[in-house]
Amino acid sequence: MTHAMLKGSNVPLQATTVRAVLRWTPGQGVPDIDASALLLGPDDRVRSDEDFVFYNQPRHPSGQVWRLGKKRVEEGLTDTIQTDLSGVEPSVGRILLVASADGVAFDRVRSLRILLHDATAADAEPLAYFDVKPETGQETALICGELYRRGEGWKFRALGEGYSNGLKGLATDFGISVDESEEADDPVSAPRPEPVPHTPARSTPVQSAPAPPAVGPDEPTTVQPLPEVSRPLPPEQPAGVPAQPSYGYPQQPPTTQPAYGYPQPAGRPGYGYPQAPAAAGVTGAQPGYGYPPPVTGAPDPEFRLPPQGPQFVGR
């Protein structure tokens, strides 16, 4: 069950680890809110500056109180302080839960609420919540509530007490030493860490050749000669290979192959021409195609003409 709390009311805590969540609605002109915690001893003051957990010192040396940081949720923005109550040192009796704006009054902050959760129960409803409203509107730091011991257990009380001199003035009131001459070295006076924007790595630009200078209308234009380009010579033909004639020029008649239509040399007669008579003692001469072979001896006395047909009889 979630307890809706009023200013000054308290509620016992059964959880051993609690998460105090500050939540507000962002918008134009709305300041950024920071959550912090002060661990107070028996005299209601810090034992040392280490008892101050805030943006420049996000974790207590004991490890029992730490700042989780900011987060965006559906209802707005949050900043969270988590505490392991079972491990808090016995000398610590109260833990103040503080909200501070960076030099801007809380009258510009909308819907500021502190919610208490059981850190061991995931996605559970909050144990309690308190809507924090500044009294004058000029406060720049607010004690939203406190965790305090009661017997063997712990309770939470809703407070809403404001400071017009900011987180520095509030911390000073509870024993944080701020030396005006050494504000630059003091963690409370040091500036809040700003988020470092991610800058993508840039590749080395490729240098291009410079553009030629522009030529004015009255300036003469100088034409630069083109550089000579050496062309490779055609490969030389090996020795013994006859040179190839240029395309389009007549071929030279070969010495061994006569052109078509010209007389053949003595060894090979041209096609359709009679054979020359064979020399004495030479055999193997071939007669020309379609011509009778040459007479080489006396006619055969036994040669007779074939019988004639009737058309030749009596003629």
C-alpha atoms as a PDB file:
ATOM      1  CA  MET A   1       0.000   0.000   0.000  1.00  0.00           C
ATOM      2  CA  THR A   2       1.289   3.448  -0.943  1.00  0.00           C
ATOM      3  CA  HIS A   3       1.093   6.211   1.661  1.00  0.00           C
ATOM      4  CA  ALA A   4       0.284   9.721   0.392  1.00  0.00           C
ATOM      5  CA  MET A   5       2.037  11.905   2.923  1.00  0.00           C
ATOM      6  CA  LEU A   6       1.508  15.431   4.163  1.00  0.00           C
ATOM      7  CA  LYS A   7       4.155  17.793   5.462  1.00  0.00           C
ATOM      8  CA  GLY A   8       5.381  16.654   8.890  1.00  0.00           C
ATOM      9  CA  SER A   9       3.853  13.144   8.705  1.00  0.00           C
ATOM     10  CA  ASN A  10       5.927   9.983   9.024  1.00  0.00           C
ATOM     11  CA  VAL A  11       5.689   6.325   8.081  1.00  0.00           C
ATOM     12  CA  PRO A  12       7.624   3.297   9.410  1.00  0.00           C
ATOM     13  CA  LEU A  13       9.812   1.410   6.983  1.00  0.00           C
ATOM     14  CA  GLN A  14       9.967  -2.368   6.836  1.00  0.00           C
ATOM     15  CA  ALA A  15      12.376  -2.418   3.875  1.00  0.00           C
ATOM     16  CA  THR A  16      16.087  -2.694   4.595  1.00  0.00           C
ATOM     17  CA  THR A  17      17.175  -0.952   1.354  1.00  0.00           C
ATOM     18  CA  VAL A  18      15.185   2.060   0.199  1.00  0.00           C
ATOM     19  CA  ARG A  19      15.380   4.152  -2.921  1.00  0.00           C
ATOM     20  CA  ALA A  20      14.363   7.817  -2.636  1.00  0.00           C
ATOM     21  CA  VAL A  21      13.375   9.135  -6.075  1.00  0.00           C
ATOM     22  CA  LEU A  22      12.993  12.848  -6.814  1.00  0.00           C
ATOM     23  CA  ARG A  23      10.702  13.384  -9.803  1.00  0.00           C
ATOM     24  CA  TRP A  24       9.666  16.563 -11.610  1.00  0.00           C
ATOM     25  CA  THR A  25       8.206  17.686 -14.940  1.00  0.00           C
ATOM     26  CA  PRO A  26      10.737  19.325 -17.271  1.00  0.00           C
ATOM     27  CA  GLY A  27       9.892  22.217 -19.564  1.00  0.00           C
ATOM     28  CA  GLN A  28      10.977  25.601 -20.820  1.00  0.00           C
ATOM     29  CA  GLY A  29      12.458  27.648 -17.983  1.00  0.00           C
ATOM     30  CA  VAL A  30      12.346  24.705 -15.556  1.00  0.00           C
ATOM     31  CA  PRO A  31      15.721  24.284 -13.785  1.00  0.00           C
ATOM     32  CA  ASP A  32      17.570  21.014 -13.518  1.00  0.00           C
ATOM     33  CA  ILE A  33      17.160  19.302 -10.128  1.00  0.00           C
ATOM     34  CA  ASP A  34      19.891  17.442  -8.227  1.00  0.00           C
ATOM     35  CA  ALA A  35      19.351  14.936  -5.419  1.00  0.00           C
ATOM     36  CA  SER A  36      21.789  14.733  -2.492  1.00  0.00           C
ATOM     37  CA  ALA A  37      21.990  13.327   1.022  1.00  0.00           C
ATOM     38  CA  LEU A  38      23.592  14.393   4.321  1.00  0.00           C
ATOM     39  CA  LEU A  39      24.394  11.793   7.003  1.00  0.00           C
ATOM     40  CA  LEU A  40      24.023  13.398  10.454  1.00  0.00           C
ATOM     41  CA  GLY A  41      25.525  12.250  13.760  1.00  0.00           C
ATOM     42  CA  PRO A  42      24.125  12.509  17.300  1.00  0.00           C
ATOM     43  CA  ASP A  43      24.502  16.312  17.309  1.00  0.00           C
ATOM     44  CA  ASP A  44      22.502  16.665  14.043  1.00  0.00           C
ATOM     45  CA  ARG A  45      25.628  17.664  12.142  1.00  0.00           C
ATOM     46  CA  VAL A  46      27.827  15.803   9.723  1.00  0.00           C
ATOM     47  CA  ARG A  47      30.818  14.035  11.220  1.00  0.00           C
ATOM     48  CA  SER A  48      33.045  15.155   8.293  1.00  0.00           C
ATOM     49  CA  ASP A  49      32.715  16.438   4.752  1.00  0.00           C
ATOM     50  CA  GLU A  50      32.572  12.799   3.605  1.00  0.00           C
ATOM     51  CA  ASP A  51      29.035  12.588   5.049  1.00  0.00           C
ATOM     52  CA  PHE A  52      27.790  14.687   2.124  1.00  0.00           C
ATOM     53  CA  VAL A  53      26.677  12.600  -0.903  1.00  0.00           C
ATOM     54  CA  PHE A  54      26.000  14.763  -3.968  1.00  0.00           C
ATOM     55  CA  TYR A  55      26.934  15.170  -7.671  1.00  0.00           C
ATOM     56  CA  ASN A  56      30.639  15.755  -7.029  1.00  0.00           C
ATOM     57  CA  GLN A  57      30.829  13.005  -4.367  1.00  0.00           C
ATOM     58  CA  PRO A  58      28.263  10.413  -5.461  1.00  0.00           C
ATOM     59  CA  ARG A  59      29.073   7.653  -2.941  1.00  0.00           C
ATOM     60  CA  HIS A  60      29.624   7.609   0.811  1.00  0.00           C
ATOM     61  CA  PRO A  61      32.908   5.965   1.949  1.00  0.00           C
ATOM     62  CA  SER A  62      30.916   3.340   3.862  1.00  0.00           C
ATOM     63  CA  GLY A  63      29.224   2.246   0.621  1.00  0.00           C
ATOM     64  CA  GLN A  64      25.767   2.326   2.259  1.00  0.00           C
ATOM     65  CA  VAL A  65      24.483   5.556   0.677  1.00  0.00           C
ATOM     66  CA  TRP A  66      25.006   6.417  -3.008  1.00  0.00           C
ATOM     67  CA  ARG A  67      23.568   8.437  -5.836  1.00  0.00           C
ATOM     68  CA  LEU A  68      22.114   6.500  -8.769  1.00  0.00           C
ATOM     69  CA  GLY A  69      21.871   9.455 -11.102  1.00  0.00           C
ATOM     70  CA  LYS A  70      19.245  10.907 -13.398  1.00  0.00           C
ATOM     71  CA  LYS A  71      16.817   9.083 -15.598  1.00  0.00           C
ATOM     72  CA  ARG A  72      13.990   9.981 -17.949  1.00  0.00           C
ATOM     73  CA  VAL A  73      10.672   8.249 -17.232  1.00  0.00           C
ATOM     74  CA  GLU A  74       7.168   8.563 -18.621  1.00  0.00           C
ATOM     75  CA  GLU A  75       6.157  11.083 -15.936  1.00  0.00           C
ATOM     76  CA  GLY A  76       9.256  13.292 -16.327  1.00  0.00           C
ATOM     77  CA  LEU A  77      12.846  13.308 -15.030  1.00  0.00           C
ATOM     78  CA  THR A  78      14.201  11.631 -11.893  1.00  0.00           C
ATOM     79  CA  ASP A  79      17.299  11.725  -9.696  1.00  0.00           C
ATOM     80  CA  THR A  80      17.735   9.021  -7.061  1.00  0.00           C
ATOM     81  CA  ILE A  81      19.476   8.351  -3.733  1.00  0.00           C
ATOM     82  CA  GLN A  82      19.639   4.727  -2.513  1.00  0.00           C
ATOM     83  CA  THR A  83      20.388   3.689   1.077  1.00  0.00           C
ATOM     84  CA  ASP A  84      21.111   0.321   2.677  1.00  0.00           C
ATOM     85  CA  LEU A  85      19.587   1.012   6.080  1.00  0.00           C
ATOM     86  CA  SER A  86      20.818  -2.254   7.564  1.00  0.00           C
ATOM     87  CA  GLY A  87      24.447  -1.268   6.969  1.00  0.00           C
ATOM     88  CA  VAL A  88      24.374   2.389   8.036  1.00  0.00           C
ATOM     89  CA  GLU A  89      26.874   3.095  10.842  1.00  0.00           C
ATOM     90  CA  PRO A  90      25.313   3.270  14.348  1.00  0.00           C
ATOM     91  CA  SER A  91      26.618   6.806  14.864  1.00  0.00           C
ATOM     92  CA  VAL A  92      24.380   8.068  12.027  1.00  0.00           C
ATOM     93  CA  GLY A  93      20.921   8.909  13.333  1.00  0.00           C
ATOM     94  CA  ARG A  94      19.392  10.881  10.411  1.00  0.00           C
ATOM     95  CA  ILE A  95      19.835  11.013   6.651  1.00  0.00           C
ATOM     96  CA  LEU A  96      18.484  14.167   4.981  1.00  0.00           C
ATOM     97  CA  LEU A  97      17.166  13.840   1.413  1.00  0.00           C
ATOM     98  CA  VAL A  98      17.747  17.132  -0.408  1.00  0.00           C
ATOM     99  CA  ALA A  99      16.707  18.651  -3.745  1.00  0.00           C
ATOM    100  CA  SER A 100      18.595  21.612  -5.175  1.00  0.00           C
ATOM    101  CA  ALA A 101      18.228  23.766  -8.282  1.00  0.00           C
ATOM    102  CA  ASP A 102      21.274  25.231  -9.970  1.00  0.00           C
ATOM    103  CA  GLY A 103      20.822  28.864  -8.897  1.00  0.00           C
ATOM    104  CA  VAL A 104      17.133  28.985  -9.919  1.00  0.00           C
ATOM    105  CA  ALA A 105      14.176  29.324  -7.531  1.00  0.00           C
ATOM    106  CA  PHE A 106      11.830  26.395  -7.006  1.00  0.00           C
ATOM    107  CA  ASP A 107       8.749  28.392  -8.015  1.00  0.00           C
ATOM    108  CA  ARG A 108       9.657  27.388 -11.600  1.00  0.00           C
ATOM    109  CA  VAL A 109       9.739  23.677 -10.787  1.00  0.00           C
ATOM    110  CA  ARG A 110       6.551  21.820 -11.627  1.00  0.00           C
ATOM    111  CA  SER A 111       5.189  18.687  -9.951  1.00  0.00           C
ATOM    112  CA  LEU A 112       8.135  18.033  -7.633  1.00  0.00           C
ATOM    113  CA  ARG A 113       7.559  14.765  -5.759  1.00  0.00           C
ATOM    114  CA  ILE A 114       9.669  12.422  -3.638  1.00  0.00           C
ATOM    115  CA  LEU A 115       8.815   8.726  -3.804  1.00  0.00           C
ATOM    116  CA  LEU A 116      10.120   6.012  -1.478  1.00  0.00           C
ATOM    117  CA  HIS A 117      10.581   2.499  -2.924  1.00  0.00           C
ATOM    118  CA  ASP A 118      11.693  -0.841  -1.568  1.00  0.00           C
ATOM    119  CA  ALA A 119      14.854  -1.362  -3.629  1.00  0.00           C
ATOM    120  CA  THR A 120      14.625  -5.149  -3.306  1.00  0.00           C
ATOM    121  CA  ALA A 121      11.119  -5.337  -4.845  1.00  0.00           C
ATOM    122  CA  ALA A 122      11.323  -4.798  -8.573  1.00  0.00           C
ATOM    123  CA  ASP A 123       8.431  -2.949 -10.262  1.00  0.00           C
ATOM    124  CA  ALA A 124       6.560  -2.678  -6.967  1.00  0.00           C
ATOM    125  CA  GLU A 125       4.400   0.293  -6.021  1.00  0.00           C
ATOM    126  CA  PRO A 126       6.152   2.982  -3.966  1.00  0.00           C
ATOM    127  CA  LEU A 127       5.953   2.688  -0.200  1.00  0.00           C
ATOM    128  CA  ALA A 128       5.136   6.380   0.162  1.00  0.00           C
ATOM    129  CA  TYR A 129       5.239   9.677  -1.724  1.00  0.00           C
ATOM    130  CA  PHE A 130       5.192  13.361  -0.825  1.00  0.00           C
ATOM    131  CA  ASP A 131       4.450  16.314  -3.113  1.00  0.00           C
ATOM    132  CA  VAL A 132       7.020  18.950  -2.196  1.00  0.00           C
ATOM    133  CA  LYS A 133       5.829  22.553  -2.389  1.00  0.00           C
ATOM    134  CA  PRO A 134       8.108  25.519  -1.524  1.00  0.00           C
ATOM    135  CA  GLU A 135       6.739  27.959   1.024  1.00  0.00           C
ATOM    136  CA  THR A 136       7.927  31.211  -0.550  1.00  0.00           C
ATOM    137  CA  GLY A 137       8.911  30.058  -4.052  1.00  0.00           C
ATOM    138  CA  GLN A 138      12.354  31.676  -3.718  1.00  0.00           C
ATOM    139  CA  GLU A 139      14.022  28.557  -2.304  1.00  0.00           C
ATOM    140  CA  THR A 140      16.944  27.161  -4.314  1.00  0.00           C
ATOM    141  CA  ALA A 141      17.387  24.101  -2.060  1.00  0.00           C
ATOM    142  CA  LEU A 142      14.785  21.967  -0.258  1.00  0.00           C
ATOM    143  CA  ILE A 143      14.967  19.245   2.398  1.00  0.00           C
ATOM    144  CA  CYS A 144      12.263  17.019   0.965  1.00  0.00           C
ATOM    145  CA  GLY A 145      12.339  14.429   3.760  1.00  0.00           C
ATOM    146  CA  GLU A 146      14.507  12.442   6.124  1.00  0.00           C
ATOM    147  CA  LEU A 147      15.239   8.854   7.093  1.00  0.00           C
ATOM    148  CA  TYR A 148      15.688   8.595  10.873  1.00  0.00           C
ATOM    149  CA  ARG A 149      16.131   5.892  13.488  1.00  0.00           C
ATOM    150  CA  ARG A 150      13.305   4.986  15.839  1.00  0.00           C
ATOM    151  CA  GLY A 151      14.273   2.211  18.236  1.00  0.00           C
ATOM    152  CA  GLU A 152      15.586  -0.710  16.200  1.00  0.00           C
ATOM    153  CA  GLY A 153      13.982   0.418  12.967  1.00  0.00           C
ATOM    154  CA  TRP A 154      13.793   3.345  10.573  1.00  0.00           C
ATOM    155  CA  LYS A 155      11.097   5.811   9.577  1.00  0.00           C
ATOM    156  CA  PHE A 156      10.574   8.389   6.863  1.00  0.00           C
ATOM    157  CA  ARG A 157       9.295  11.907   7.581  1.00  0.00           C
ATOM    158  CA  ALA A 158       8.031  14.436   4.974  1.00  0.00           C
ATOM    159  CA  LEU A 159       9.586  17.875   5.574  1.00  0.00           C
ATOM    160  CA  GLY A 160       9.708  20.404   2.707  1.00  0.00           C
ATOM    161  CA  GLU A 161      12.062  22.892   4.421  1.00  0.00           C
ATOM    162  CA  GLY A 162      13.619  25.424   2.054  1.00  0.00           C
ATOM    163  CA  TYR A 163      16.877  27.430   1.761  1.00  0.00           C
ATOM    164  CA  SER A 164      17.243  30.529  -0.374  1.00  0.00           C
ATOM    165  CA  ASN A 165      21.077  30.364  -0.406  1.00  0.00           C
ATOM    166  CA  GLY A 166      21.172  27.058  -2.285  1.00  0.00           C
ATOM    167  CA  LEU A 167      22.914  23.780  -1.620  1.00  0.00           C
ATOM    168  CA  LYS A 168      26.000  25.559  -0.303  1.00  0.00           C
ATOM    169  CA  GLY A 169      24.045  27.383   2.402  1.00  0.00           C
ATOM    170  CA  LEU A 170      22.154  24.226   3.392  1.00  0.00           C
ATOM    171  CA  ALA A 171      25.348  22.156   3.648  1.00  0.00           C
ATOM    172  CA  THR A 172      27.027  24.862   5.745  1.00  0.00           C
ATOM    173  CA  ASP A 173      24.156  24.831   8.233  1.00  0.00           C
ATOM    174  CA  PHE A 174      24.790  21.124   8.876  1.00  0.00           C
ATOM    175  CA  GLY A 175      28.543  21.361   9.376  1.00  0.00           C
ATOM    176  CA  ILE A 176      30.069  21.128   5.891  1.00  0.00           C
ATOM    177  CA  SER A 177      33.144  23.347   5.979  1.00  0.00           C
ATOM    178  CA  VAL A 178      33.265  25.837   3.120  1.00  0.00           C
ATOM    179  CA  ASP A 179      36.288  28.133   3.235  1.00  0.00           C
ATOM    180  CA  GLU A 180      35.542  31.283   1.224  1.00  0.00           C
ATOM    181  CA  SER A 181      39.212  31.616   0.291  1.00  0.00           C
ATOM    182  CA  GLU A 182      39.352  28.062  -1.004  1.00  0.00           C
ATOM    183  CA  GLU A 183      36.016  27.794  -2.760  1.00  0.00           C
ATOM    184  CA  ALA A 184      37.716  26.542  -5.905  1.00  0.00           C
ATOM    185  CA  ASP A 185      39.011  23.490  -4.017  1.00  0.00           C
ATOM    186  CA  ASP A 186      35.833  22.852  -2.061  1.00  0.00           C
ATOM    187  CA  PRO A 187      33.632  20.048  -3.453  1.00  0.00           C
ATOM    188  CA  VAL A 188      30.404  21.954  -2.706  1.00  0.00           C
ATOM    189  CA  SER A 189      31.560  25.076  -4.543  1.00  0.00           C
ATOM    190  CA  ALA A 190      32.972  23.164  -7.508  1.00  0.00           C
ATOM    191  CA  PRO A 191      30.833  23.335 -10.643  1.00  0.00           C
ATOM    192  CA  ARG A 192      28.557  20.468 -11.491  1.00  0.00           C
ATOM    193  CA  PRO A 193      29.961  18.037 -14.018  1.00  0.00           C
ATOM    194  CA  GLU A 194      28.479  18.684 -17.441  1.00  0.00           C
ATOM    195  CA  PRO A 195      27.640  15.788 -19.740  1.00  0.00           C
ATOM    196  CA  VAL A 196      30.279  15.299 -22.343  1.00  0.00           C
ATOM    197  CA  PRO A 197      28.704  15.328 -25.806  1.00  0.00           C
ATOM    198  CA  HIS A 198      29.725  12.468 -28.012  1.00  0.00           C
ATOM    199  CA  THR A 199      31.736  13.751 -30.950  1.00  0.00           C
ATOM    200  CA  PRO A 200      32.008  11.212 -33.780  1.00  0.00           C
ATOM    201  CA  ALA A 201      35.489  10.443 -34.951  1.00  0.00           C
ATOM    202  CA  ARG A 202      36.361  12.370 -38.048  1.00  0.00           C
ATOM    203  CA  SER A 203      38.284  10.746 -40.789  1.00  0.00           C
ATOM    204  CA  THR A 204      41.248  12.561 -42.259  1.00  0.00           C
ATOM    205  CA  PRO A 205      39.969  14.680 -45.153  1.00  0.00           C
ATOM    206  CA  VAL A 206      41.286  13.772 -48.555  1.00  0.00           C
ATOM    207  CA  GLN A 207      43.212  16.656 -50.037  1.00  0.00           C
ATOM    208  CA  SER A 208      42.149  17.405 -53.568  1.00  0.00           C
ATOM    209  CA  ALA A 209      44.087  19.293 -56.177  1.00  0.00           C
ATOM    210  CA  PRO A 210      43.551  23.092 -55.957  1.00  0.00           C
ATOM    211  CA  ALA A 211      41.104  24.549 -58.435  1.00  0.00           C
ATOM    212  CA  PRO A 212      42.625  26.659 -61.248  1.00  0.00           C
ATOM    213  CA  PRO A 213      42.454  30.424 -60.667  1.00  0.00           C
ATOM    214  CA  ALA A 214      39.519  32.194 -62.224  1.00  0.00           C
ATOM    215  CA  VAL A 215      40.299  34.220 -65.360  1.00  0.00           C
ATOM    216  CA  GLY A 216      38.790  37.672 -65.499  1.00  0.00           C
ATOM    217  CA  PRO A 217      37.068  39.057 -68.574  1.00  0.00           C
ATOM    218  CA  ASP A 218      39.995  41.348 -69.421  1.00  0.00           C
ATOM    219  CA  GLU A 219      42.779  38.913 -68.684  1.00  0.00           C
ATOM    220  CA  PRO A 220      44.412  36.946 -71.517  1.00  0.00           C
ATOM    221  CA  THR A 221      43.936  33.228 -71.398  1.00  0.00           C
ATOM    222  CA  THR A 222      47.102  31.199 -71.673  1.00  0.00           C
ATOM    223  CA  VAL A 223      46.690  27.837 -73.295  1.00  0.00           C
ATOM    224  CA  GLN A 224      49.002  25.335 -71.770  1.00  0.00           C
ATOM    225  CA  PRO A 225      50.466  22.750 -74.209  1.00  0.00           C
ATOM    226  CA  LEU A 226      49.373  19.225 -73.634  1.00  0.00           C
ATOM    227  CA  PRO A 227      52.055  16.917 -72.313  1.00  0.00           C
ATOM    228  CA  GLU A 228      53.531  14.517 -74.805  1.00  0.00           C
ATOM    229  CA  VAL A 229      52.344  10.991 -74.374  1.00  0.00           C
ATOM    230  CA  SER A 230      54.756   8.266 -75.327  1.00  0.00           C
ATOM    231  CA  ARG A 231      52.986   5.476 -77.183  1.00  0.00           C
ATOM    232  CA  PRO A 232      54.419   1.968 -77.177  1.00  0.00           C
ATOM    233  CA  LEU A 233      55.821   0.710 -80.516  1.00  0.00           C
ATOM    234  CA  PRO A 234      54.275  -2.401 -82.060  1.00  0.00           C
ATOM    235  CA  PRO A 235      56.183  -5.574 -81.325  1.00  0.00           C
ATOM    236  CA  GLU A 236      58.749  -6.584 -83.892  1.00  0.00           C
ATOM    237  CA  GLN A 237      58.017  -9.742 -85.847  1.00  0.00           C
ATOM    238  CA  PRO A 238      60.487 -12.544 -85.369  1.00  0.00           C
ATOM    239  CA  ALA A 239      63.026 -13.316 -88.042  1.00  0.00           C
ATOM    240  CA  GLY A 240      61.875 -15.619 -90.841  1.00  0.00           C
ATOM    241  CA  VAL A 241      58.222 -14.470 -90.763  1.00  0.00           C
ATOM    242  CA  PRO A 242      57.259 -12.646 -93.965  1.00  0.00           C
ATOM    243  CA  ALA A 243      55.983  -9.153 -93.464  1.00  0.00           C
ATOM    244  CA  GLN A 244      52.204  -8.772 -93.663  1.00  0.00           C
ATOM    245  CA  PRO A 245      51.022  -6.280 -96.279  1.00  0.00           C
ATOM    246  CA  SER A 246      48.862  -3.344 -95.261  1.00  0.00           C
ATOM    247  CA  TYR A 247      45.138  -3.804 -95.438  1.00  0.00           C
ATOM    248  CA  GLY A 248      43.694  -2.532 -98.762  1.00  0.00           C
ATOM    249  CA  TYR A 249      46.870  -2.842-100.791  1.00  0.00           C
ATOM    250  CA  PRO A 250      47.358  -5.518-103.522  1.00  0.00           C
ATOM    251  CA  GLN A 251      49.231  -8.639-102.623  1.00  0.00           C
ATOM    252  CA  GLN A 252      52.499  -9.361-104.318  1.00  0.00           C
ATOM    253  CA  PRO A 253      52.325 -12.590-106.393  1.00  0.00           C
ATOM    254  CA  PRO A 254      54.131 -15.358-104.610  1.00  0.00           C
ATOM    255  CA  THR A 255      57.159 -16.857-106.234  1.00  0.00           C
ATOM    256  CA  THR A 256      55.927 -20.425-105.875  1.00  0.00           C
ATOM    257  CA  GLN A 257      52.120 -19.927-106.302  1.00  0.00           C
ATOM    258  CA  PRO A 258      51.139 -18.468-109.762  1.00  0.00           C
ATOM    259  CA  ALA A 259      47.994 -16.382-110.007  1.00  0.00           C
ATOM    260  CA  TYR A 260      44.792 -18.015-111.265  1.00  0.00           C
ATOM    261  CA  GLY A 261      44.582 -17.974-115.137  1.00  0.00           C
ATOM    262  CA  TYR A 262      48.289 -17.755-115.752  1.00  0.00           C
ATOM    263  CA  PRO A 263      50.296 -20.668-117.281  1.00  0.00           C
ATOM    264  CA  GLN A 264      51.608 -23.117-114.804  1.00  0.00           C
ATOM    265  CA  PRO A 265      55.264 -23.963-114.667  1.00  0.00           C
ATOM    266  CA  ALA A 266      56.506 -27.024-116.538  1.00  0.00           C
ATOM    267  CA  GLY A 267      56.123 -29.367-113.599  1.00  0.00           C
ATOM    268  CA  ARG A 268      52.343 -28.629-113.067  1.00  0.00           C
ATOM    269  CA  PRO A 269      50.193 -27.749-116.124  1.00  0.00           C
ATOM    270  CA  GLY A 270      47.352 -25.300-115.708  1.00  0.00           C
ATOM    271  CA  TYR A 271      43.801 -26.622-115.428  1.00  0.00           C
ATOM    272  CA  GLY A 272      42.254 -27.285-118.910  1.00  0.00           C
ATOM    273  CA  TYR A 273      45.486 -26.969-120.881  1.00  0.00           C
ATOM    274  CA  PRO A 274      47.051 -29.897-122.860  1.00  0.00           C
ATOM    275  CA  GLN A 275      49.972 -31.691-121.405  1.00  0.00           C
ATOM    276  CA  ALA A 276      53.354 -31.251-122.968  1.00  0.00           C
ATOM    277  CA  PRO A 277      54.775 -34.420-124.459  1.00  0.00           C
ATOM    278  CA  ALA A 278      56.805 -36.362-122.001  1.00  0.00           C
ATOM    279  CA  ALA A 279      60.468 -36.337-122.542  1.00  0.00           C
ATOM    280  CA  ALA A 280      62.206 -39.516-123.523  1.00  0.00           C
ATOM    281  CA  GLY A 281      62.741 -41.729-120.582  1.00  0.00           C
ATOM    282  CA  VAL A 282      60.416 -39.725-118.366  1.00  0.00           C
ATOM    283  CA  THR A 283      57.336 -41.481-117.040  1.00  0.00           C
ATOM    284  CA  GLY A 284      54.480 -40.481-114.797  1.00  0.00           C
ATOM    285  CA  ALA A 285      53.388 -37.362-116.727  1.00  0.00           C
ATOM    286  CA  GLN A 286      49.637 -36.686-116.166  1.00  0.00           C
ATOM    287  CA  PRO A 287      47.576 -35.462-119.152  1.00  0.00           C
ATOM    288  CA  GLY A 288      45.380 -32.397-118.808  1.00  0.00           C
ATOM    289  CA  TYR A 289      41.800 -32.974-117.767  1.00  0.00           C
ATOM    290  CA  GLY A 290      39.522 -33.731-120.835  1.00  0.00           C
ATOM    291  CA  TYR A 291      42.295 -34.257-123.384  1.00  0.00           C
ATOM    292  CA  PRO A 292      43.376 -37.664-124.875  1.00  0.00           C
ATOM    293  CA  PRO A 293      46.666 -39.005-123.754  1.00  0.00           C
ATOM    294  CA  PRO A 294      49.529 -38.478-126.196  1.00  0.00           C
ATOM    295  CA  VAL A 295      50.390 -41.261-128.717  1.00  0.00           C
ATOM    296  CA  THR A 296      53.416 -43.079-127.547  1.00  0.00           C
ATOM    297  CA  GLY A 297      53.723 -45.947-130.198  1.00  0.00           C
ATOM    298  CA  ALA A 298      52.244 -47.706-133.430  1.00  0.00           C
ATOM    299  CA  PRO A 299      48.459 -48.276-133.611  1.00  0.00           C
ATOM    300  CA  ASP A 300      47.087 -51.624-132.514  1.00  0.00           C
ATOM    301  CA  PRO A 301      46.381 -53.796-135.649  1.00  0.00           C
ATOM    302  CA  GLU A 302      43.609 -55.642-133.823  1.00  0.00           C
ATOM    303  CA  PHE A 303      41.663 -52.447-133.049  1.00  0.00           C
ATOM    304  CA  ARG A 304      38.098 -52.552-134.380  1.00  0.00           C
ATOM    305  CA  LEU A 305      35.328 -49.995-134.169  1.00  0.00           C
ATOM    306  CA  PRO A 306      32.267 -51.072-132.227  1.00  0.00           C
ATOM    307  CA  PRO A 307      29.154 -52.120-134.152  1.00  0.00           C
ATOM    308  CA  GLN A 308      27.162 -49.246-135.590  1.00  0.00           C
ATOM    309  CA  GLY A 309      23.474 -48.715-135.045  1.00  0.00           C
ATOM    310  CA  PRO A 310      20.858 -48.955-137.814  1.00  0.00           C
ATOM    311  CA  GLN A 311      20.868 -45.237-138.237  1.00  0.00           C
ATOM    312  CA  PHE A 312      24.396 -45.494-139.624  1.00  0.00           C
ATOM    313  CA  VAL A 313      23.859 -48.402-142.047  1.00  0.00           C
ATOM    314  CA  GLY A 314      24.108 -47.426-145.733  1.00  0.00           C
ATOM    315  CA  ARG A 315      25.661 -44.139-145.075  1.00  0.00           C
END
